[in-house]
Structures are given as structure tokens and as C-alpha cells.
Amino acid sequence: MQHVIAKSDGVLCQLELPEPDQVLMPGVLWGRHEDLLSPAYWVAAGRVAGEVPKDGFRLGRTLAEELAACLLGGHGLPAEVGLAAYYRVRGWLQKTNDELISEAHLYGLLSEPLFVGGRPIRYRFARQRSSYLARSLEIISNFDENAYGDVAFRDYLCALPGIGLKTASWIVRNRRGSDAVAILDVHVIRACIIMGIFEGNADVSRHYRQLEKIFLEFCLRSRVRASVMDAVMWGQMRAISPQLLKIFIDQKCHFKDALSPASGEVKGCPETIAIEMTDRQVAHWVG
């Protein structure tokens, strides 16, 4: 067994994981927990993170607010910019009785510079997403989300303007802390490619549901909630420097078929990096 000593909420705890040469999934070994981005590393990080926060991953109080948060963030935008846009729109949503805002009003709100880190930033998709959001808010105004299971809820959201599987999964995860869906953004995809559970040419635009099934199976075998693993991967992957990430990707530092047939030993990455797991960090914002 591998013994991991980690710190969770300021308290030291010990985890036990299978040996590095044990099979986690077909063709994928556990690897060493001290190897950055190995399967064992992510399992340890996910278990230390623990459960879904008490209030879930919600960014808003209502479905309309959560829809705004996820639609205004995500693809093509740094998380901080998406949040700034959301906070501005949320202020107006909370002033209405029906949570409806016209496209023209939304465009005006999003056209004004946002201030991120003390600097004015232009929101790149003001016209497109003001249209998407205005129409989507109107469609969901009489929607009863409690009548739907997690996957059916996501399927409903996918029919809204500008909402695809990733954004719909994000809304469902945030609202419900759901483990039935996965938010396969670029950070999570990279982590899964490096581990070897996704192929290097994994394409979520064509095979989202198939890749999601693999990710959920990984979480099930790891005994880590998918909603937590998703958030942990997103938070840590976006914090890794581009230079270090390039080493992992360019040198194909993954853990698929990592058992050396010649020596019978587990091969490590080009650069093995031992890290100390710090206090609980579960990201609430996934782009």
C-alpha cells in the first residue's frame, strides 16, 4: 500500500492507496502519489478535499442566477472576467420581480468595461451572450427544475440558446452537487490526457458523453465524488505554470501503460515533483 500523509482543514490525516503498479482502469496504473498529476495524486487530492460544500457549488441563489453565471463565464474567458460580468448582471437580476432582463439592457451592462484586479477589461462576447442570456432567462421563467433528474435536467438546459453539454453540466453540478454529470473543460481534459484515461486526441466537441462516461468511471473506481474531483482538477490545473504543463504534455508524461516491461518497475515522469497537499481547496468556479 501507498501511505499518504496530508493536511485537510488544518488537520493531518493518513490515506492508503494501492501500490503504484496496480491497475486502476484498463491500461492505466495508479502510479505514485508523489508524482504530480498521476492518478494516485488526483485520488489523494480528491479524498483530502472531502465532500461537496454545504451549499453545493452554487454561484447564485436561483436557477436564473446560476444560468447567468455559467453562460457569461466559461469558454474563451478567464474565470475572473466571467465572474465580474456575472456580478454586474446579478445585481440587476435581483432588482427585478421576474428575473427577466432585455437583450438591450444586458448588452449595455456587458459593453461597459469590467474591473478585474483593479484594471478595466472589455467583455469579449457582449453582443452574443446578451442575446443568449435574455432568451434563456425567458424560456426558464416557468421551468420546474425539481421535476427532472440530473441528466434530464442537463438535457433540458442543452436546448437553451448558447448552452452546450459542458455549460449545462456546470449548471447542474453547481445547483445540485451532482455526480451524474461532469464538466469537461480544458483543464480537466488535460489532466485526464496526462493520466492516460483519455487519449491524446480526445475531442469533447464530438465525444462529450463518451468521455464523460470514462471520467465518471475513474471517479467511481477512485472512490471520489465526481463533482469534487472535477473541481479539484480545475483548481489545480489552472494554477500550474504553462512551462511546467508543457513539459508534461510535450514529453507525454502520462501514466497509461506506465509499467516498464523490462524492469517491472513503474516509470515516473520526466520531472517527478513532490508536493505537500494543503488545506481543503474545492473550486466553486469552473470554466
Protein backbone atom coordinates (compact mmCIF):
# COMPACT_ATOMS: atom_id res chain seq x y z
CA MET A 1 0.00 0.00 0.00
CA GLN A 2 0.98 3.62 -0.51
CA HIS A 3 0.64 5.73 2.63
CA VAL A 4 -0.18 9.38 2.12
CA ILE A 5 0.04 11.94 4.92
CA ALA A 6 -1.92 15.05 4.04
CA LYS A 7 -3.43 18.09 5.70
CA SER A 8 -7.17 18.72 5.48
CA ASP A 9 -8.66 21.80 7.13
CA GLY A 10 -5.52 22.11 9.22
CA VAL A 11 -5.68 18.50 10.47
CA LEU A 12 -3.20 15.82 9.43
CA CYS A 13 -4.77 12.68 8.03
CA GLN A 14 -3.47 9.44 6.54
CA LEU A 15 -4.71 7.84 3.35
CA GLU A 16 -3.97 4.41 1.96
CA LEU A 17 -3.80 3.84 -1.79
CA PRO A 18 -2.94 0.73 -3.83
CA GLU A 19 0.63 0.13 -4.94
CA PRO A 20 1.81 2.17 -7.95
CA ASP A 21 1.88 -0.87 -10.25
CA GLN A 22 -1.73 -1.84 -9.53
CA VAL A 23 -4.28 -1.34 -12.31
CA LEU A 24 -6.77 1.48 -11.71
CA MET A 25 -8.55 1.21 -15.06
CA PRO A 26 -7.80 -0.87 -18.16
CA GLY A 27 -4.36 0.24 -19.34
CA VAL A 28 -3.92 2.76 -16.52
CA LEU A 29 -1.89 2.18 -13.36
CA TRP A 30 -2.29 4.02 -10.07
CA GLY A 31 1.22 5.48 -10.22
CA ARG A 32 2.98 7.11 -7.28
CA HIS A 33 1.00 9.60 -5.24
CA GLU A 34 4.02 11.91 -5.03
CA ASP A 35 4.20 12.19 -8.84
CA LEU A 36 2.43 15.38 -9.83
CA LEU A 37 -0.70 14.67 -11.93
CA SER A 38 -0.55 10.89 -11.57
CA PRO A 39 -3.82 9.03 -10.97
CA ALA A 40 -2.79 8.40 -7.36
CA TYR A 41 -2.00 12.10 -6.95
CA TRP A 42 -5.52 13.08 -8.07
CA VAL A 43 -7.21 10.43 -5.97
CA ALA A 44 -5.35 11.62 -2.87
CA ALA A 45 -6.18 15.25 -3.65
CA GLY A 46 -9.84 14.40 -4.18
CA ARG A 47 -10.13 12.42 -0.96
CA VAL A 48 -8.45 15.18 1.03
CA ALA A 49 -10.88 17.70 -0.45
CA GLY A 50 -13.70 15.67 1.02
CA GLU A 51 -17.37 16.25 0.40
CA VAL A 52 -19.34 18.81 -1.56
CA PRO A 53 -19.55 22.11 0.36
CA LYS A 54 -22.71 22.58 2.45
CA ASP A 55 -24.25 24.98 -0.06
CA GLY A 56 -23.08 22.96 -3.04
CA PHE A 57 -21.11 24.81 -5.68
CA ARG A 58 -23.72 27.48 -6.23
CA LEU A 59 -22.72 30.88 -7.53
CA GLY A 60 -26.30 32.14 -7.44
CA ARG A 61 -29.37 31.75 -5.28
CA THR A 62 -31.73 30.88 -8.13
CA LEU A 63 -31.59 28.94 -11.38
CA ALA A 64 -31.69 32.21 -13.32
CA GLU A 65 -28.63 33.48 -11.44
CA GLU A 66 -26.75 30.19 -11.93
CA LEU A 67 -27.61 30.23 -15.61
CA ALA A 68 -26.22 33.76 -15.89
CA ALA A 69 -23.02 32.81 -14.05
CA CYS A 70 -22.28 29.82 -16.25
CA LEU A 71 -23.39 31.35 -19.55
CA LEU A 72 -21.34 34.51 -19.02
CA GLY A 73 -18.25 32.54 -17.99
CA GLY A 74 -16.65 29.50 -19.50
CA HIS A 75 -15.11 29.06 -22.93
CA GLY A 76 -12.83 31.83 -24.14
CA LEU A 77 -12.76 33.80 -20.88
CA PRO A 78 -10.62 33.80 -17.74
CA ALA A 79 -12.75 32.82 -14.75
CA GLU A 80 -12.21 36.21 -13.12
CA VAL A 81 -13.66 38.05 -16.12
CA GLY A 82 -16.69 35.78 -16.26
CA LEU A 83 -17.32 36.33 -12.56
CA ALA A 84 -17.07 40.10 -12.93
CA ALA A 85 -19.64 40.04 -15.74
CA TYR A 86 -21.91 37.81 -13.69
CA TYR A 87 -21.77 40.00 -10.59
CA ARG A 88 -22.78 43.01 -12.65
CA VAL A 89 -25.73 41.22 -14.23
CA ARG A 90 -26.74 39.56 -10.96
CA GLY A 91 -27.16 42.96 -9.35
CA TRP A 92 -29.84 43.80 -11.91
CA LEU A 93 -31.46 40.36 -11.80
CA GLN A 94 -32.02 40.80 -8.09
CA LYS A 95 -33.79 44.11 -8.69
CA THR A 96 -36.45 42.51 -10.91
CA ASN A 97 -39.59 40.68 -9.85
CA ASP A 98 -39.43 38.06 -12.60
CA GLU A 99 -35.65 37.74 -13.21
CA LEU A 100 -36.06 38.85 -16.81
CA ILE A 101 -33.75 41.39 -18.45
CA SER A 102 -33.98 42.56 -22.05
CA GLU A 103 -31.23 41.84 -24.53
CA ALA A 104 -30.62 45.58 -24.99
CA HIS A 105 -30.22 46.10 -21.24
CA LEU A 106 -27.87 43.14 -20.93
CA TYR A 107 -25.81 44.37 -23.85
CA GLY A 108 -25.49 47.76 -22.19
CA LEU A 109 -24.33 46.15 -18.94
CA LEU A 110 -21.78 43.92 -20.66
CA SER A 111 -20.48 46.62 -23.01
CA GLU A 112 -19.21 48.76 -20.16
CA PRO A 113 -15.66 47.89 -19.01
CA LEU A 114 -15.37 45.39 -16.17
CA PHE A 115 -12.81 45.92 -13.45
CA VAL A 116 -10.70 42.86 -12.71
CA GLY A 117 -7.72 43.17 -10.41
CA GLY A 118 -8.07 46.94 -10.49
CA ARG A 119 -7.83 47.10 -14.30
CA PRO A 120 -10.59 47.80 -16.84
CA ILE A 121 -11.31 44.76 -19.01
CA ARG A 122 -13.55 44.56 -22.07
CA TYR A 123 -16.01 41.66 -22.08
CA ARG A 124 -15.40 40.00 -25.44
CA PHE A 125 -18.80 38.44 -26.05
CA ALA A 126 -21.17 41.23 -25.01
CA ARG A 127 -23.48 41.07 -28.02
CA GLN A 128 -23.59 37.30 -28.42
CA ARG A 129 -24.09 36.37 -24.79
CA SER A 130 -26.54 39.16 -24.01
CA SER A 131 -28.74 37.64 -26.72
CA TYR A 132 -28.27 34.10 -25.40
CA LEU A 133 -28.95 35.10 -21.81
CA ALA A 134 -32.03 37.23 -22.48
CA ARG A 135 -33.68 34.42 -24.45
CA SER A 136 -32.68 31.71 -21.99
CA LEU A 137 -33.99 33.64 -18.99
CA GLU A 138 -37.36 33.95 -20.69
CA ILE A 139 -37.51 30.24 -21.53
CA ILE A 140 -36.76 29.06 -17.97
CA SER A 141 -39.08 31.57 -16.30
CA ASN A 142 -41.77 28.91 -15.73
CA PHE A 143 -39.49 25.87 -15.56
CA ASP A 144 -39.74 23.49 -12.58
CA GLU A 145 -36.27 22.04 -12.20
CA ASN A 146 -37.37 19.77 -9.34
CA ALA A 147 -39.41 17.70 -11.80
CA TYR A 148 -36.22 16.49 -13.52
CA GLY A 149 -33.41 14.14 -12.58
CA ASP A 150 -29.84 15.36 -13.02
CA VAL A 151 -29.25 14.07 -16.56
CA ALA A 152 -32.73 15.04 -17.77
CA PHE A 153 -32.20 18.49 -16.24
CA ARG A 154 -28.98 18.82 -18.23
CA ASP A 155 -30.68 17.70 -21.43
CA TYR A 156 -33.32 20.38 -20.94
CA LEU A 157 -30.66 23.05 -20.42
CA CYS A 158 -28.84 21.96 -23.60
CA ALA A 159 -31.82 23.15 -25.62
CA LEU A 160 -31.33 26.74 -24.42
CA PRO A 161 -29.54 29.28 -26.65
CA GLY A 162 -25.77 29.15 -26.24
CA ILE A 163 -25.82 26.20 -23.82
CA GLY A 164 -23.88 23.05 -24.66
CA LEU A 165 -23.15 19.93 -22.66
CA LYS A 166 -20.30 21.44 -20.67
CA THR A 167 -22.18 24.58 -19.62
CA ALA A 168 -25.33 22.58 -18.88
CA SER A 169 -23.30 20.15 -16.76
CA TRP A 170 -21.77 23.08 -14.93
CA ILE A 171 -25.20 24.45 -14.03
CA VAL A 172 -26.44 21.04 -12.84
CA ARG A 173 -23.28 20.39 -10.81
CA ASN A 174 -23.47 23.81 -9.18
CA ARG A 175 -27.17 23.60 -8.39
CA ARG A 176 -27.19 20.04 -7.10
CA GLY A 177 -23.64 18.94 -6.35
CA SER A 178 -24.40 16.25 -8.93
CA ASP A 179 -22.09 13.29 -9.55
CA ALA A 180 -24.11 12.14 -12.57
CA VAL A 181 -22.53 14.68 -14.93
CA ALA A 182 -19.02 16.04 -15.50
CA ILE A 183 -17.72 19.47 -16.52
CA LEU A 184 -15.11 18.53 -19.10
CA ASP A 185 -13.34 21.84 -19.59
CA VAL A 186 -9.84 22.19 -21.00
CA HIS A 187 -8.15 21.84 -17.59
CA VAL A 188 -9.92 18.59 -16.72
CA ILE A 189 -9.31 17.21 -20.21
CA ARG A 190 -5.57 17.92 -19.95
CA ALA A 191 -5.40 16.22 -16.56
CA CYS A 192 -7.15 13.14 -17.95
CA ILE A 193 -4.90 13.00 -21.02
CA ILE A 194 -1.78 13.20 -18.85
CA MET A 195 -3.12 10.40 -16.64
CA GLY A 196 -3.86 8.32 -19.71
CA ILE A 197 -7.58 7.82 -19.09
CA PHE A 198 -8.28 9.96 -22.20
CA GLU A 199 -6.45 9.57 -25.49
CA GLY A 200 -4.27 12.48 -26.60
CA ASN A 201 -6.72 13.41 -29.35
CA ALA A 202 -9.79 13.43 -27.06
CA ASP A 203 -12.41 15.70 -28.63
CA VAL A 204 -15.25 16.77 -26.33
CA SER A 205 -17.00 18.59 -29.16
CA ARG A 206 -17.64 15.21 -30.80
CA HIS A 207 -17.49 12.69 -27.96
CA TYR A 208 -18.55 14.51 -24.80
CA ARG A 209 -20.83 11.80 -23.43
CA GLN A 210 -18.33 9.00 -24.10
CA LEU A 211 -15.51 10.92 -22.39
CA GLU A 212 -17.81 11.84 -19.52
CA LYS A 213 -18.58 8.15 -19.00
CA ILE A 214 -14.85 7.40 -18.73
CA PHE A 215 -14.31 10.26 -16.28
CA LEU A 216 -17.22 9.15 -14.09
CA GLU A 217 -15.86 5.59 -14.12
CA PHE A 218 -12.46 6.92 -12.99
CA CYS A 219 -14.13 8.74 -10.09
CA LEU A 220 -16.15 5.66 -9.15
CA ARG A 221 -13.04 3.46 -9.08
CA SER A 222 -11.20 6.17 -7.12
CA ARG A 223 -13.99 6.50 -4.55
CA VAL A 224 -14.02 10.26 -5.03
CA ARG A 225 -17.20 12.16 -5.86
CA ALA A 226 -17.15 13.31 -9.48
CA SER A 227 -18.31 16.80 -8.51
CA VAL A 228 -15.38 17.14 -6.12
CA MET A 229 -12.79 15.61 -8.47
CA ASP A 230 -13.90 17.93 -11.26
CA ALA A 231 -13.49 20.97 -9.03
CA VAL A 232 -10.13 19.85 -7.61
CA MET A 233 -8.68 19.17 -11.07
CA TRP A 234 -9.90 22.51 -12.40
CA GLY A 235 -8.48 24.47 -9.49
CA GLN A 236 -5.07 22.80 -9.53
CA MET A 237 -4.56 22.53 -13.29
CA ARG A 238 -5.24 26.22 -13.89
CA ALA A 239 -2.66 27.06 -11.20
CA ILE A 240 0.16 25.11 -12.90
CA SER A 241 2.54 27.28 -14.89
CA PRO A 242 2.34 26.95 -18.69
CA GLN A 243 6.02 26.00 -18.76
CA LEU A 244 5.55 23.04 -16.41
CA LEU A 245 2.38 21.94 -18.12
CA LYS A 246 4.23 21.97 -21.45
CA ILE A 247 6.77 19.50 -20.03
CA PHE A 248 4.02 17.06 -19.15
CA ILE A 249 2.20 17.39 -22.46
CA ASP A 250 5.18 17.57 -24.84
CA GLN A 251 7.06 14.70 -23.22
CA LYS A 252 3.85 12.68 -22.95
CA CYS A 253 4.20 12.36 -19.21
CA HIS A 254 1.16 10.19 -18.64
CA PHE A 255 0.57 7.06 -16.66
CA LYS A 256 -1.04 4.85 -19.24
CA ASP A 257 0.90 1.61 -19.66
CA ALA A 258 3.46 3.10 -17.28
CA LEU A 259 4.77 -0.28 -16.12
CA SER A 260 8.16 -0.88 -17.67
CA PRO A 261 8.12 -4.36 -19.26
CA ALA A 262 11.88 -4.63 -18.97
CA SER A 263 12.30 -3.87 -15.30
CA GLY A 264 8.83 -4.42 -13.92
CA GLU A 265 9.09 -1.04 -12.25
CA VAL A 266 6.78 1.91 -12.53
CA LYS A 267 8.25 4.65 -14.67
CA GLY A 268 7.95 8.15 -13.31
CA CYS A 269 7.51 11.42 -15.16
CA PRO A 270 10.41 13.31 -16.77
CA GLU A 271 10.41 15.50 -13.69
CA THR A 272 8.99 13.99 -10.51
CA ILE A 273 7.71 16.71 -8.23
CA ALA A 274 6.75 16.01 -4.64
CA ILE A 275 4.16 18.38 -3.26
CA GLU A 276 2.55 18.97 0.09
CA MET A 277 -1.22 18.83 -0.01
CA THR A 278 -2.55 21.91 1.69
CA ASP A 279 -5.86 22.81 3.27
CA ARG A 280 -9.11 21.90 1.60
CA GLN A 281 -9.46 23.64 -1.75
CA VAL A 282 -12.61 22.92 -3.72
CA ALA A 283 -13.11 25.35 -6.59
CA HIS A 284 -16.56 26.84 -6.89
CA TRP A 285 -15.98 28.31 -10.33
CA VAL A 286 -15.36 26.02 -13.28
CA GLY A 287 -14.85 27.44 -16.72
